[in-house]
N, C-alpha and C. Protein backbone atom coordinates (compact mmCIF):
# COMPACT_ATOMS: atom_id res chain seq x y z
N MET A 1 -3.53 -19.38 -20.12
CA MET A 1 -2.54 -18.46 -20.12
C MET A 1 -2.34 -17.57 -20.94
N SER A 2 -2.56 -16.16 -20.64
CA SER A 2 -2.05 -15.35 -21.79
C SER A 2 -0.37 -15.09 -22.33
N GLU A 3 -0.74 -14.58 -23.53
CA GLU A 3 0.65 -14.90 -24.66
C GLU A 3 1.53 -13.61 -23.39
N GLU A 4 2.95 -13.75 -23.87
CA GLU A 4 3.91 -13.02 -22.90
C GLU A 4 3.94 -11.69 -23.48
N MET A 5 4.01 -10.39 -22.77
CA MET A 5 3.82 -8.89 -23.13
C MET A 5 5.00 -8.67 -24.19
N LEU A 6 6.31 -9.41 -23.54
CA LEU A 6 7.31 -8.80 -24.43
C LEU A 6 8.10 -10.25 -24.99
N THR A 7 7.97 -10.68 -26.27
CA THR A 7 8.38 -11.54 -26.91
C THR A 7 10.34 -11.42 -26.79
N ARG A 8 10.76 -12.54 -27.29
CA ARG A 8 12.04 -12.26 -27.65
C ARG A 8 12.49 -11.86 -29.05
N GLN A 9 11.06 -12.11 -30.23
CA GLN A 9 11.88 -11.09 -31.26
C GLN A 9 11.45 -9.97 -30.85
N ASN A 10 10.49 -9.02 -30.15
CA ASN A 10 10.25 -7.79 -30.13
C ASN A 10 11.62 -7.56 -29.16
N ILE A 11 11.96 -7.94 -28.62
CA ILE A 11 12.99 -7.24 -27.75
C ILE A 11 14.18 -7.12 -28.55
N THR A 12 14.56 -7.82 -29.39
CA THR A 12 15.99 -7.93 -30.42
C THR A 12 15.67 -7.41 -31.60
N SER A 13 14.58 -7.34 -31.73
CA SER A 13 14.42 -6.19 -33.26
C SER A 13 14.49 -4.94 -32.99
N GLY A 14 14.19 -4.41 -31.81
CA GLY A 14 14.09 -2.86 -31.71
C GLY A 14 13.11 -2.43 -31.90
N ALA A 15 11.98 -3.29 -31.79
CA ALA A 15 10.78 -2.95 -31.87
C ALA A 15 9.94 -2.13 -30.98
N PRO A 16 8.85 -1.17 -31.04
CA PRO A 16 8.82 -0.74 -29.58
C PRO A 16 8.08 -1.83 -28.18
N LEU A 17 8.31 -1.25 -27.61
CA LEU A 17 7.87 -2.18 -26.21
C LEU A 17 7.15 -1.78 -25.73
N ASN A 18 5.47 -2.72 -25.68
CA ASN A 18 4.55 -2.30 -24.90
C ASN A 18 4.04 -3.13 -23.79
N ILE A 19 4.19 -2.00 -22.83
CA ILE A 19 3.47 -3.29 -21.22
C ILE A 19 2.21 -2.73 -21.31
N GLU A 20 1.18 -3.54 -21.12
CA GLU A 20 0.02 -3.22 -20.63
C GLU A 20 -0.53 -4.05 -19.38
N THR A 21 -1.24 -3.84 -18.32
CA THR A 21 -1.46 -4.04 -17.78
C THR A 21 -3.36 -3.74 -17.38
N GLY A 22 -4.05 -4.45 -16.70
CA GLY A 22 -5.52 -3.83 -16.14
C GLY A 22 -5.25 -2.87 -15.68
N VAL A 23 -6.23 -1.78 -15.91
CA VAL A 23 -6.28 -0.28 -14.77
C VAL A 23 -6.61 -0.59 -13.44
N THR A 24 -7.04 -1.52 -12.50
CA THR A 24 -6.92 -1.68 -11.20
C THR A 24 -6.05 -3.56 -11.05
N SER A 25 -5.59 -3.92 -11.70
CA SER A 25 -5.14 -5.33 -11.98
C SER A 25 -3.95 -5.27 -10.75
N SER A 26 -3.45 -4.42 -10.27
CA SER A 26 -2.20 -4.77 -9.43
C SER A 26 -2.84 -4.63 -7.82
N ILE A 27 -4.28 -4.73 -7.55
CA ILE A 27 -4.83 -5.03 -6.42
C ILE A 27 -5.34 -6.36 -5.97
N GLY A 28 -5.23 -7.19 -7.09
CA GLY A 28 -5.76 -8.48 -6.72
C GLY A 28 -5.09 -9.84 -7.20
N SER A 29 -5.72 -11.17 -6.48
CA SER A 29 -5.03 -11.97 -6.35
C SER A 29 -5.22 -12.79 -7.95
N HIS A 30 -5.00 -12.61 -8.78
CA HIS A 30 -5.42 -13.15 -9.93
C HIS A 30 -4.17 -13.48 -10.78
N SER A 31 -4.12 -14.11 -12.06
CA SER A 31 -2.77 -14.28 -13.13
C SER A 31 -2.58 -13.38 -14.02
N SER A 32 -3.23 -12.08 -14.02
CA SER A 32 -3.02 -11.20 -14.86
C SER A 32 -2.05 -10.42 -14.28
N PRO A 33 -1.07 -9.69 -15.47
CA PRO A 33 -0.15 -9.03 -14.98
C PRO A 33 -0.32 -7.44 -14.21
N ARG A 34 0.76 -7.34 -13.70
CA ARG A 34 0.67 -5.99 -12.70
C ARG A 34 2.00 -5.51 -12.60
N VAL A 35 2.40 -4.30 -12.85
CA VAL A 35 3.24 -3.69 -12.61
C VAL A 35 3.15 -2.41 -11.85
N PHE A 36 4.00 -2.32 -10.60
CA PHE A 36 3.13 -0.96 -9.67
C PHE A 36 5.07 -0.79 -9.24
N VAL A 37 4.95 0.75 -9.01
CA VAL A 37 6.41 1.04 -7.92
C VAL A 37 5.89 1.74 -6.76
N ASP A 38 6.84 2.01 -5.72
CA ASP A 38 6.82 1.89 -4.61
C ASP A 38 6.85 3.46 -4.00
N SER A 39 7.18 4.27 -5.14
CA SER A 39 7.30 5.69 -5.10
C SER A 39 7.37 6.48 -6.54
N LEU A 40 6.77 7.60 -6.42
CA LEU A 40 6.72 8.59 -7.71
C LEU A 40 6.77 9.60 -7.54
N THR A 41 7.42 10.77 -8.24
CA THR A 41 7.46 12.04 -7.92
C THR A 41 7.35 12.57 -9.45
N ILE A 42 6.32 13.69 -9.79
CA ILE A 42 6.14 14.32 -10.59
C ILE A 42 6.19 15.64 -10.86
N ALA A 43 7.35 16.17 -11.49
CA ALA A 43 7.27 17.95 -11.05
C ALA A 43 7.84 18.22 -9.78
N GLY A 44 8.65 17.25 -9.17
CA GLY A 44 8.52 17.76 -7.63
C GLY A 44 7.61 17.24 -6.91
N GLU A 45 6.48 16.79 -7.01
CA GLU A 45 5.26 16.19 -6.35
C GLU A 45 5.65 15.01 -5.83
N SER A 46 5.45 14.93 -4.78
CA SER A 46 5.78 13.02 -4.29
C SER A 46 4.37 12.45 -3.88
N PHE A 47 4.19 11.58 -4.42
CA PHE A 47 2.85 10.49 -3.99
C PHE A 47 3.01 9.71 -2.95
N ASP A 48 2.17 9.76 -2.14
CA ASP A 48 2.20 8.48 -1.32
C ASP A 48 2.02 7.29 -2.02
N LYS A 49 2.41 6.55 -0.63
CA LYS A 49 1.97 5.27 -1.07
C LYS A 49 0.80 4.55 -0.21
N ASN A 50 -0.43 4.87 -1.46
CA ASN A 50 -1.38 4.75 -0.78
C ASN A 50 -2.11 3.60 -1.67
N ILE A 51 -1.82 2.64 -2.65
CA ILE A 51 -2.37 1.86 -3.25
C ILE A 51 -2.20 0.71 -2.42
N VAL A 52 -2.86 -0.33 -2.03
CA VAL A 52 -2.51 -1.69 -2.00
C VAL A 52 -2.56 -2.84 -3.07
N ALA A 53 -1.28 -2.65 -3.16
CA ALA A 53 -0.96 -3.54 -4.37
C ALA A 53 -0.34 -4.81 -4.02
N ILE A 54 -0.40 -6.06 -4.99
CA ILE A 54 -0.45 -7.05 -4.52
C ILE A 54 0.31 -7.85 -5.43
N ASP A 55 1.50 -8.11 -5.28
CA ASP A 55 2.50 -8.70 -6.25
C ASP A 55 1.90 -10.19 -6.49
N GLY A 56 2.69 -10.67 -7.71
CA GLY A 56 2.12 -11.82 -8.41
C GLY A 56 2.25 -12.99 -7.37
N GLY A 57 1.01 -14.02 -7.26
CA GLY A 57 1.35 -15.06 -6.32
C GLY A 57 0.76 -14.92 -5.14
N GLU A 58 0.83 -13.56 -4.55
CA GLU A 58 0.79 -13.23 -3.30
C GLU A 58 -0.78 -13.51 -2.72
N ASP A 59 -1.14 -13.55 -1.57
CA ASP A 59 -2.55 -13.45 -1.63
C ASP A 59 -3.30 -12.07 -0.71
N VAL A 60 -4.71 -11.82 -1.52
CA VAL A 60 -4.74 -10.40 -1.29
C VAL A 60 -5.06 -10.24 0.04
N THR A 61 -6.07 -11.16 0.60
CA THR A 61 -6.60 -11.39 2.03
C THR A 61 -5.66 -11.05 3.07
N LYS A 62 -4.50 -11.36 2.99
CA LYS A 62 -3.38 -11.27 4.04
C LYS A 62 -2.58 -9.72 3.78
N ALA A 63 -3.13 -8.91 2.95
CA ALA A 63 -2.45 -7.66 2.57
C ALA A 63 -3.08 -6.70 3.90
N ASP A 64 -2.06 -5.94 4.47
CA ASP A 64 -2.59 -5.17 5.53
C ASP A 64 -1.83 -3.78 5.38
N LYS A 65 -1.50 -3.59 4.52
CA LYS A 65 -0.86 -1.94 4.52
C LYS A 65 -0.69 -1.60 2.82
N ALA A 66 -0.70 -0.51 2.76
CA ALA A 66 -0.26 0.04 1.45
C ALA A 66 1.17 -0.11 0.79
N THR A 67 1.30 -0.67 -0.42
CA THR A 67 2.76 -0.87 -0.86
C THR A 67 3.17 -0.13 -2.26
N ALA A 68 1.80 0.67 -2.71
CA ALA A 68 2.63 1.37 -4.01
C ALA A 68 1.67 2.33 -4.26
N ALA A 69 2.85 3.51 -4.96
CA ALA A 69 2.70 4.90 -4.81
C ALA A 69 1.68 4.87 -6.28
N ALA A 70 2.10 4.12 -7.08
CA ALA A 70 1.46 4.40 -8.77
C ALA A 70 1.68 2.71 -8.76
N ALA A 71 0.38 2.65 -10.29
CA ALA A 71 0.23 1.28 -10.86
C ALA A 71 0.51 1.64 -12.26
N ILE A 72 1.58 1.39 -12.92
CA ILE A 72 1.88 1.30 -14.24
C ILE A 72 0.83 0.66 -15.26
N ILE A 73 -0.12 1.27 -15.78
CA ILE A 73 -1.13 1.06 -16.43
C ILE A 73 -0.94 0.37 -18.05
N ALA A 74 0.26 1.45 -18.32
CA ALA A 74 0.57 1.16 -19.99
C ALA A 74 2.06 1.78 -19.96
N MET A 75 2.63 1.29 -20.64
CA MET A 75 4.22 1.90 -21.23
C MET A 75 4.49 1.68 -22.48
N THR A 76 4.73 2.65 -23.15
CA THR A 76 5.16 2.22 -24.56
C THR A 76 6.72 2.94 -24.67
N ILE A 77 7.63 2.04 -25.04
CA ILE A 77 8.85 2.76 -25.21
C ILE A 77 9.50 2.47 -26.64
N SER A 78 9.65 3.24 -27.52
CA SER A 78 10.09 3.29 -28.99
C SER A 78 11.44 3.75 -29.02
N PRO A 79 12.44 2.71 -29.02
CA PRO A 79 13.76 2.62 -29.28
C PRO A 79 14.06 4.22 -30.24
N GLY A 80 15.32 4.77 -29.56
CA GLY A 80 15.52 5.56 -30.89
C GLY A 80 17.33 5.83 -31.09
N SER A 81 17.63 6.61 -31.91
CA SER A 81 18.90 6.47 -32.22
C SER A 81 19.83 7.15 -31.17
N ILE A 82 19.04 8.36 -30.48
CA ILE A 82 19.66 8.70 -29.50
C ILE A 82 18.71 8.68 -28.30
N ASN A 83 17.57 8.97 -28.01
CA ASN A 83 16.97 8.55 -27.13
C ASN A 83 15.71 7.95 -27.14
N PRO A 84 14.95 7.05 -26.70
CA PRO A 84 13.68 6.64 -26.74
C PRO A 84 12.58 7.66 -26.62
N THR A 85 11.63 7.50 -26.98
CA THR A 85 10.30 8.04 -27.06
C THR A 85 9.19 7.25 -25.94
N VAL A 86 8.90 7.90 -25.00
CA VAL A 86 8.15 7.02 -24.06
C VAL A 86 6.76 7.86 -23.73
N THR A 87 5.65 6.85 -23.68
CA THR A 87 4.70 7.13 -23.26
C THR A 87 4.18 6.45 -21.81
N LEU A 88 3.40 7.41 -21.12
CA LEU A 88 3.34 6.46 -19.87
C LEU A 88 1.71 6.86 -19.41
N THR A 89 0.91 5.85 -18.91
CA THR A 89 -0.20 5.73 -18.48
C THR A 89 -0.11 5.10 -16.86
N LEU A 90 -0.67 5.99 -15.75
CA LEU A 90 -0.37 5.79 -14.41
C LEU A 90 -1.47 5.45 -13.78
N GLY A 91 -1.72 5.06 -12.62
CA GLY A 91 -2.88 4.95 -11.62
C GLY A 91 -2.44 5.27 -10.71
N VAL A 92 -3.30 6.46 -9.79
CA VAL A 92 -2.34 6.81 -8.39
C VAL A 92 -3.78 7.10 -7.58
N LEU A 93 -3.58 6.98 -6.41
CA LEU A 93 -4.56 7.11 -5.34
C LEU A 93 -4.21 8.29 -4.76
N ILE A 94 -5.27 9.81 -5.05
CA ILE A 94 -4.90 10.89 -4.46
C ILE A 94 -6.09 11.82 -4.28
N ASN A 95 -6.02 12.77 -3.52
CA ASN A 95 -7.30 13.72 -3.25
C ASN A 95 -7.29 14.67 -4.41
N SER A 96 -8.39 15.70 -4.33
CA SER A 96 -8.17 16.85 -5.52
C SER A 96 -6.95 17.73 -5.17
N ASN A 97 -7.06 17.95 -4.20
CA ASN A 97 -5.98 19.17 -3.52
C ASN A 97 -4.75 18.45 -4.49
N THR A 98 -4.25 17.28 -4.05
CA THR A 98 -3.06 16.78 -4.83
C THR A 98 -2.96 17.07 -6.32
N ARG A 99 -4.05 16.41 -6.96
CA ARG A 99 -4.24 16.69 -8.39
C ARG A 99 -3.95 18.32 -8.78
N ALA A 100 -4.55 19.10 -8.00
CA ALA A 100 -4.66 20.72 -8.31
C ALA A 100 -3.23 21.05 -8.03
N LYS A 101 -2.68 20.90 -7.10
CA LYS A 101 -1.22 21.18 -6.85
C LYS A 101 -0.33 20.38 -8.17
N LEU A 102 -0.31 19.55 -8.72
CA LEU A 102 0.28 18.86 -9.69
C LEU A 102 -0.06 19.55 -11.35
N GLU A 103 -1.41 19.59 -11.23
CA GLU A 103 -1.52 20.47 -12.47
C GLU A 103 -1.11 21.81 -12.69
N GLU A 104 -1.15 22.56 -11.35
CA GLU A 104 -0.80 23.79 -11.32
C GLU A 104 0.71 24.00 -11.78
N LYS A 105 1.86 22.75 -11.13
CA LYS A 105 3.21 22.82 -10.90
C LYS A 105 3.53 22.83 -12.84
N ILE A 106 2.60 21.82 -13.49
CA ILE A 106 2.77 21.25 -14.82
C ILE A 106 2.53 22.60 -15.71
N SER A 107 1.52 23.03 -15.21
CA SER A 107 0.97 24.67 -16.13
C SER A 107 1.90 25.46 -15.74
N GLN A 108 2.63 25.88 -14.84
CA GLN A 108 3.73 27.01 -14.64
C GLN A 108 4.95 26.45 -15.47
N VAL A 109 5.40 25.31 -15.22
CA VAL A 109 6.60 24.95 -16.09
C VAL A 109 6.06 25.28 -17.74
N LEU A 110 5.43 24.50 -18.39
CA LEU A 110 4.88 24.62 -19.57
C LEU A 110 4.80 26.33 -19.92
N ASN A 111 4.11 26.85 -19.25
CA ASN A 111 4.10 28.20 -19.76
C ASN A 111 5.19 29.23 -19.73
N SER A 112 6.34 28.77 -19.03
CA SER A 112 7.72 29.31 -18.95
C SER A 112 8.35 28.80 -20.00
N GLY A 113 8.03 28.00 -21.01
CA GLY A 113 8.43 27.52 -22.09
C GLY A 113 9.36 26.80 -22.07
N THR A 114 9.71 26.20 -20.82
CA THR A 114 10.92 25.14 -20.64
C THR A 114 10.20 23.66 -20.37
N ASN A 115 11.16 22.82 -20.36
CA ASN A 115 10.61 21.48 -20.26
C ASN A 115 11.20 20.76 -19.00
N ASP A 116 11.65 21.43 -17.67
CA ASP A 116 12.10 20.80 -16.54
C ASP A 116 10.93 20.08 -15.99
N ILE A 117 10.48 19.49 -16.27
CA ILE A 117 9.86 18.25 -15.79
C ILE A 117 9.95 16.84 -15.56
N LYS A 118 10.30 16.35 -14.32
CA LYS A 118 10.79 15.24 -14.24
C LYS A 118 9.90 14.22 -13.50
N ILE A 119 9.68 12.70 -14.39
CA ILE A 119 9.01 12.21 -13.72
C ILE A 119 9.83 10.84 -13.18
N LYS A 120 9.87 10.55 -11.54
CA LYS A 120 10.76 9.49 -11.13
C LYS A 120 9.91 8.49 -10.90
N LEU A 121 10.54 7.40 -11.30
CA LEU A 121 9.58 5.94 -10.70
C LEU A 121 10.57 5.35 -9.26
N GLY A 122 10.14 4.83 -8.46
CA GLY A 122 10.94 4.14 -7.24
C GLY A 122 10.93 2.55 -7.60
N ALA A 123 11.28 1.77 -6.74
CA ALA A 123 11.62 0.58 -6.89
C ALA A 123 10.12 -0.21 -7.50
N ALA A 124 10.27 -1.11 -8.33
CA ALA A 124 9.29 -2.06 -9.54
C ALA A 124 9.03 -3.01 -8.60
N ASN A 125 7.46 -4.05 -8.65
CA ASN A 125 7.51 -5.18 -8.21
C ASN A 125 8.26 -5.97 -8.92
N LYS A 126 8.49 -7.39 -8.38
CA LYS A 126 9.28 -8.43 -9.09
C LYS A 126 8.57 -9.39 -9.47
N LYS A 127 7.12 -9.65 -9.02
CA LYS A 127 6.41 -10.56 -9.72
C LYS A 127 5.12 -9.88 -10.85
N GLN A 128 5.95 -9.67 -11.51
CA GLN A 128 4.76 -8.91 -12.72
C GLN A 128 4.05 -9.72 -13.68
N GLU A 129 4.47 -10.76 -13.64
CA GLU A 129 3.91 -11.65 -15.12
C GLU A 129 3.90 -13.20 -14.70
N PHE A 130 2.51 -13.96 -15.23
CA PHE A 130 2.65 -15.65 -14.79
C PHE A 130 3.40 -15.72 -16.43
N LYS A 131 4.52 -16.53 -16.23
CA LYS A 131 5.35 -16.69 -17.45
C LYS A 131 4.97 -18.42 -17.74
N THR A 132 5.38 -18.60 -18.81
CA THR A 132 5.03 -19.86 -19.50
C THR A 132 5.78 -20.98 -18.77
N ASP A 133 6.37 -20.99 -17.91
CA ASP A 133 7.04 -22.23 -16.62
C ASP A 133 6.46 -21.91 -15.69
N GLU A 134 4.93 -21.52 -15.66
CA GLU A 134 4.35 -21.07 -14.27
C GLU A 134 5.17 -20.56 -13.29
N LYS A 135 5.66 -19.63 -13.28
CA LYS A 135 6.73 -19.09 -12.22
C LYS A 135 5.96 -17.32 -12.67
N TRP A 136 6.42 -16.64 -11.75
CA TRP A 136 6.06 -15.32 -11.60
C TRP A 136 7.56 -14.79 -12.18
N GLY A 137 7.68 -13.36 -12.81
CA GLY A 137 8.56 -13.04 -12.96
C GLY A 137 8.37 -11.49 -13.52
N VAL A 138 9.55 -10.89 -13.75
CA VAL A 138 9.64 -9.39 -14.59
C VAL A 138 8.91 -9.37 -15.60
N VAL A 139 8.72 -8.14 -16.00
CA VAL A 139 8.21 -7.97 -17.66
C VAL A 139 9.24 -7.03 -18.05
N ALA A 140 9.27 -5.99 -17.28
CA ALA A 140 10.41 -5.04 -17.51
C ALA A 140 10.87 -4.32 -16.05
N ASP A 141 11.84 -4.38 -15.79
CA ASP A 141 12.57 -3.74 -14.69
C ASP A 141 12.38 -2.02 -14.63
N VAL A 142 11.56 -1.16 -14.17
CA VAL A 142 11.57 -0.08 -14.38
C VAL A 142 11.87 0.97 -13.61
N SER A 143 12.49 0.11 -12.58
CA SER A 143 13.04 0.74 -11.26
C SER A 143 14.14 1.93 -11.54
N ASN A 144 13.64 2.88 -10.49
CA ASN A 144 14.28 4.41 -10.54
C ASN A 144 14.55 4.72 -12.01
N PHE A 145 13.66 4.56 -12.93
CA PHE A 145 13.78 5.12 -14.20
C PHE A 145 13.30 6.53 -13.85
N GLU A 146 14.04 7.38 -14.73
CA GLU A 146 13.50 8.98 -14.88
C GLU A 146 13.57 9.36 -15.94
N PHE A 147 12.16 10.05 -16.53
CA PHE A 147 11.62 10.64 -17.81
C PHE A 147 11.84 11.93 -17.79
N PHE A 148 11.68 12.51 -19.09
CA PHE A 148 11.68 14.14 -19.03
C PHE A 148 11.22 14.63 -20.13
N PRO A 149 10.64 15.67 -20.65
CA PRO A 149 9.75 15.64 -22.02
C PRO A 149 10.94 16.26 -22.75
N ILE A 150 10.72 15.20 -23.99
CA ILE A 150 11.42 15.35 -25.47
C ILE A 150 11.59 16.95 -25.52
N SER A 151 10.37 18.07 -25.32
CA SER A 151 10.23 19.13 -26.00
C SER A 151 9.17 19.80 -25.20
N PRO A 152 8.76 20.85 -25.09
CA PRO A 152 7.35 21.28 -24.53
C PRO A 152 6.28 21.00 -25.01
N ARG A 153 6.74 21.29 -26.98
CA ARG A 153 5.90 21.20 -27.77
C ARG A 153 5.29 19.58 -27.83
N ALA A 154 6.12 18.52 -27.44
CA ALA A 154 5.61 17.39 -27.65
C ALA A 154 5.09 16.78 -26.34
N PHE A 155 5.26 17.39 -25.52
CA PHE A 155 4.70 16.99 -24.13
C PHE A 155 3.63 16.98 -23.78
N SER A 156 2.82 15.99 -23.30
CA SER A 156 1.41 15.93 -22.94
C SER A 156 1.11 15.23 -21.53
N PHE A 157 -0.16 16.05 -20.94
CA PHE A 157 -0.15 15.51 -19.77
C PHE A 157 -1.72 15.77 -19.09
N HIS A 158 -2.30 14.61 -18.74
CA HIS A 158 -3.91 14.76 -18.61
C HIS A 158 -3.99 13.81 -17.42
N ILE A 159 -4.82 14.12 -16.38
CA ILE A 159 -5.00 13.49 -15.30
C ILE A 159 -6.67 13.66 -15.01
N ASP A 160 -7.38 12.61 -14.91
CA ASP A 160 -9.01 12.38 -14.60
C ASP A 160 -9.04 11.37 -13.23
N PRO A 161 -10.44 11.84 -12.32
CA PRO A 161 -10.63 11.23 -11.58
C PRO A 161 -11.36 9.82 -12.08
N THR A 162 -11.52 8.98 -11.28
CA THR A 162 -12.31 7.91 -11.38
C THR A 162 -13.26 7.45 -10.28
N ASP A 163 -14.00 6.75 -10.05
CA ASP A 163 -14.62 6.04 -9.13
C ASP A 163 -14.45 4.56 -8.94
N LEU A 164 -13.20 4.29 -9.30
CA LEU A 164 -13.26 2.77 -9.63
C LEU A 164 -12.77 1.98 -8.37
N MET A 165 -12.18 2.74 -7.41
CA MET A 165 -11.65 2.17 -6.02
C MET A 165 -12.65 2.95 -4.90
N GLY A 166 -13.80 3.42 -5.32
CA GLY A 166 -14.55 4.35 -4.19
C GLY A 166 -13.92 5.79 -3.99
N VAL A 167 -14.85 6.31 -2.96
CA VAL A 167 -13.89 7.45 -2.43
C VAL A 167 -13.66 7.28 -0.83
N SER A 168 -12.60 7.55 -0.42
CA SER A 168 -12.20 7.62 1.03
C SER A 168 -12.57 8.96 1.58
N LYS A 169 -12.53 8.83 2.95
CA LYS A 169 -13.53 10.25 3.78
C LYS A 169 -12.63 11.21 3.61
N ASN A 170 -11.23 11.23 3.37
CA ASN A 170 -10.52 12.46 2.61
C ASN A 170 -10.81 12.69 1.70
N GLY A 171 -11.36 12.13 0.94
CA GLY A 171 -11.38 12.88 -0.84
C GLY A 171 -10.75 12.03 -2.02
N MET A 172 -10.04 10.91 -1.19
CA MET A 172 -8.92 10.56 -1.96
C MET A 172 -9.97 9.61 -3.05
N ARG A 173 -9.58 9.37 -4.76
CA ARG A 173 -10.20 8.54 -5.42
C ARG A 173 -8.77 8.06 -6.61
N TYR A 174 -9.19 7.21 -7.22
CA TYR A 174 -8.19 6.66 -8.13
C TYR A 174 -8.33 7.23 -9.44
N HIS A 175 -7.26 8.00 -9.62
CA HIS A 175 -6.73 8.73 -10.73
C HIS A 175 -5.76 8.18 -12.16
N ILE A 176 -6.15 8.68 -12.87
CA ILE A 176 -5.45 7.97 -14.40
C ILE A 176 -4.88 9.40 -14.81
N ILE A 177 -3.36 8.95 -15.14
CA ILE A 177 -2.62 10.13 -15.59
C ILE A 177 -2.05 9.45 -16.95
N GLU A 178 -2.11 10.22 -17.86
CA GLU A 178 -1.43 9.86 -18.85
C GLU A 178 -0.52 11.27 -19.64
N ILE A 179 0.49 10.59 -20.07
CA ILE A 179 1.85 11.25 -20.11
C ILE A 179 2.38 11.00 -21.27
N GLY A 180 2.31 11.92 -22.61
CA GLY A 180 2.99 11.61 -23.77
C GLY A 180 4.03 12.46 -23.70
N GLY A 181 5.10 12.15 -24.91
CA GLY A 181 5.91 13.14 -25.23
C GLY A 181 7.44 12.83 -24.23
N LEU A 182 7.63 11.86 -23.87
CA LEU A 182 8.59 11.47 -22.83
C LEU A 182 10.05 11.08 -23.63
N THR A 183 11.03 11.15 -22.77
CA THR A 183 11.96 10.44 -23.10
C THR A 183 13.03 9.92 -21.55
N THR A 184 13.81 9.33 -21.91
CA THR A 184 14.99 9.13 -20.97
C THR A 184 16.39 9.10 -20.84
N GLU A 185 17.06 8.97 -20.48
CA GLU A 185 18.89 9.27 -20.50
C GLU A 185 18.93 7.71 -20.33
N LYS A 186 18.49 6.67 -19.90
CA LYS A 186 18.62 5.36 -19.82
C LYS A 186 18.62 4.80 -21.57
N GLY A 187 19.73 4.02 -21.74
CA GLY A 187 19.77 3.20 -22.96
C GLY A 187 19.43 1.82 -22.99
N GLU A 188 19.23 1.19 -21.90
CA GLU A 188 19.14 -0.35 -21.83
C GLU A 188 17.87 -0.51 -20.54
N LEU A 189 17.01 -1.40 -20.67
CA LEU A 189 16.12 -1.67 -20.02
C LEU A 189 16.09 -3.62 -19.86
N ASN A 190 15.97 -3.74 -18.49
CA ASN A 190 16.39 -5.53 -18.20
C ASN A 190 14.30 -5.75 -18.37
N VAL A 191 14.61 -6.96 -19.07
CA VAL A 191 13.29 -7.60 -19.31
C VAL A 191 13.26 -8.91 -19.29
N CYS A 192 12.19 -9.68 -19.20
CA CYS A 192 11.98 -11.11 -19.57
C CYS A 192 10.91 -11.05 -19.98
N SER A 193 11.28 -12.38 -21.19
CA SER A 193 10.12 -12.89 -22.03
C SER A 193 9.24 -13.83 -21.79
N ALA A 194 8.95 -14.98 -22.11
CA ALA A 194 8.29 -15.87 -22.26
C ALA A 194 8.61 -16.56 -20.80
N ALA A 195 9.73 -17.60 -20.17
CA ALA A 195 9.76 -17.88 -19.20
C ALA A 195 10.16 -17.07 -17.96
N SER A 196 10.69 -17.43 -17.03
CA SER A 196 11.19 -16.18 -15.58
C SER A 196 12.62 -16.39 -15.92
N THR A 197 13.06 -17.45 -16.59
CA THR A 197 14.52 -17.52 -16.78
C THR A 197 14.98 -16.96 -18.14
N ASP A 198 14.04 -16.16 -19.02
CA ASP A 198 14.19 -15.92 -20.29
C ASP A 198 14.61 -14.24 -20.40
N LYS A 199 15.95 -13.93 -19.67
CA LYS A 199 16.04 -12.88 -19.47
C LYS A 199 16.96 -11.98 -19.96
N GLY A 200 16.68 -10.74 -20.53
CA GLY A 200 17.98 -10.10 -21.60
C GLY A 200 17.86 -8.84 -21.28
N VAL A 201 18.49 -8.06 -22.15
CA VAL A 201 18.34 -6.35 -21.69
C VAL A 201 17.88 -6.06 -23.25
N ALA A 202 17.23 -5.27 -23.31
CA ALA A 202 16.02 -4.46 -24.35
C ALA A 202 17.15 -3.09 -24.65
N LYS A 203 17.73 -3.03 -25.68
CA LYS A 203 18.74 -1.39 -26.28
C LYS A 203 17.45 -0.56 -26.32
N ILE A 204 17.42 0.29 -25.72
CA ILE A 204 16.46 1.30 -26.11
C ILE A 204 17.14 2.95 -26.64
N GLY A 205 18.13 3.08 -26.06
CA GLY A 205 18.64 4.47 -26.86
C GLY A 205 20.39 3.84 -27.37
N TYR A 206 20.80 4.52 -28.34
CA TYR A 206 21.91 4.13 -29.10
C TYR A 206 23.15 4.61 -29.04
N ILE A 207 23.04 6.65 -29.02
CA ILE A 207 23.79 7.24 -28.87
C ILE A 207 23.69 8.30 -27.59
N SER A 208 24.92 8.45 -26.89
CA SER A 208 24.63 9.20 -25.93
C SER A 208 24.24 10.98 -26.27
N ALA A 209 23.35 11.19 -25.23
CA ALA A 209 23.04 12.51 -25.80
C ALA A 209 23.92 13.74 -25.41
N SER A 210 24.73 13.58 -24.63
CA SER A 210 25.92 14.16 -24.40
C SER A 210 26.76 14.99 -25.48
């Protein structure tokens, strides 16, 4: 069994919270961590639920429909005195037209000198990590989190197509999206460390931004 992703000391010390899964770990029946969400919106562009993601302990051979709009490959949340600093790496199954529209929207906003870009996550899966008590539980419940750029200068956005899941007849490919320089107005994150019962709340922001 791999070491738990978030330790109790990590959560209580105010250190950065690092969530890392495999690039395609959300699609198999195995004991590796997986985190995915059923909806995703970036800069007003909504992503369809195209990934057949498998929750922890479920049988991939019984999967018969897409369950996720995005896989969370990596997320780093560095707590801040006001708001946290966040970086995101997502996996999405989209075609080149969707990628082009997204890149155009991001470019238009940044060229305007504003940071009016929102990244909205839907509901996250509940069986994310195989715990030390041999039960599946969450690592961090990122359901309904909304992120936005700290500033236009701090914000970065990259999207690259891969062949990791093949290519569909309508041109869909698995794309990796890397987004940096984000923050959120949420001050707390529900987490779970070693055992499935070892639940807690990580403080990620301390002073209201208002």
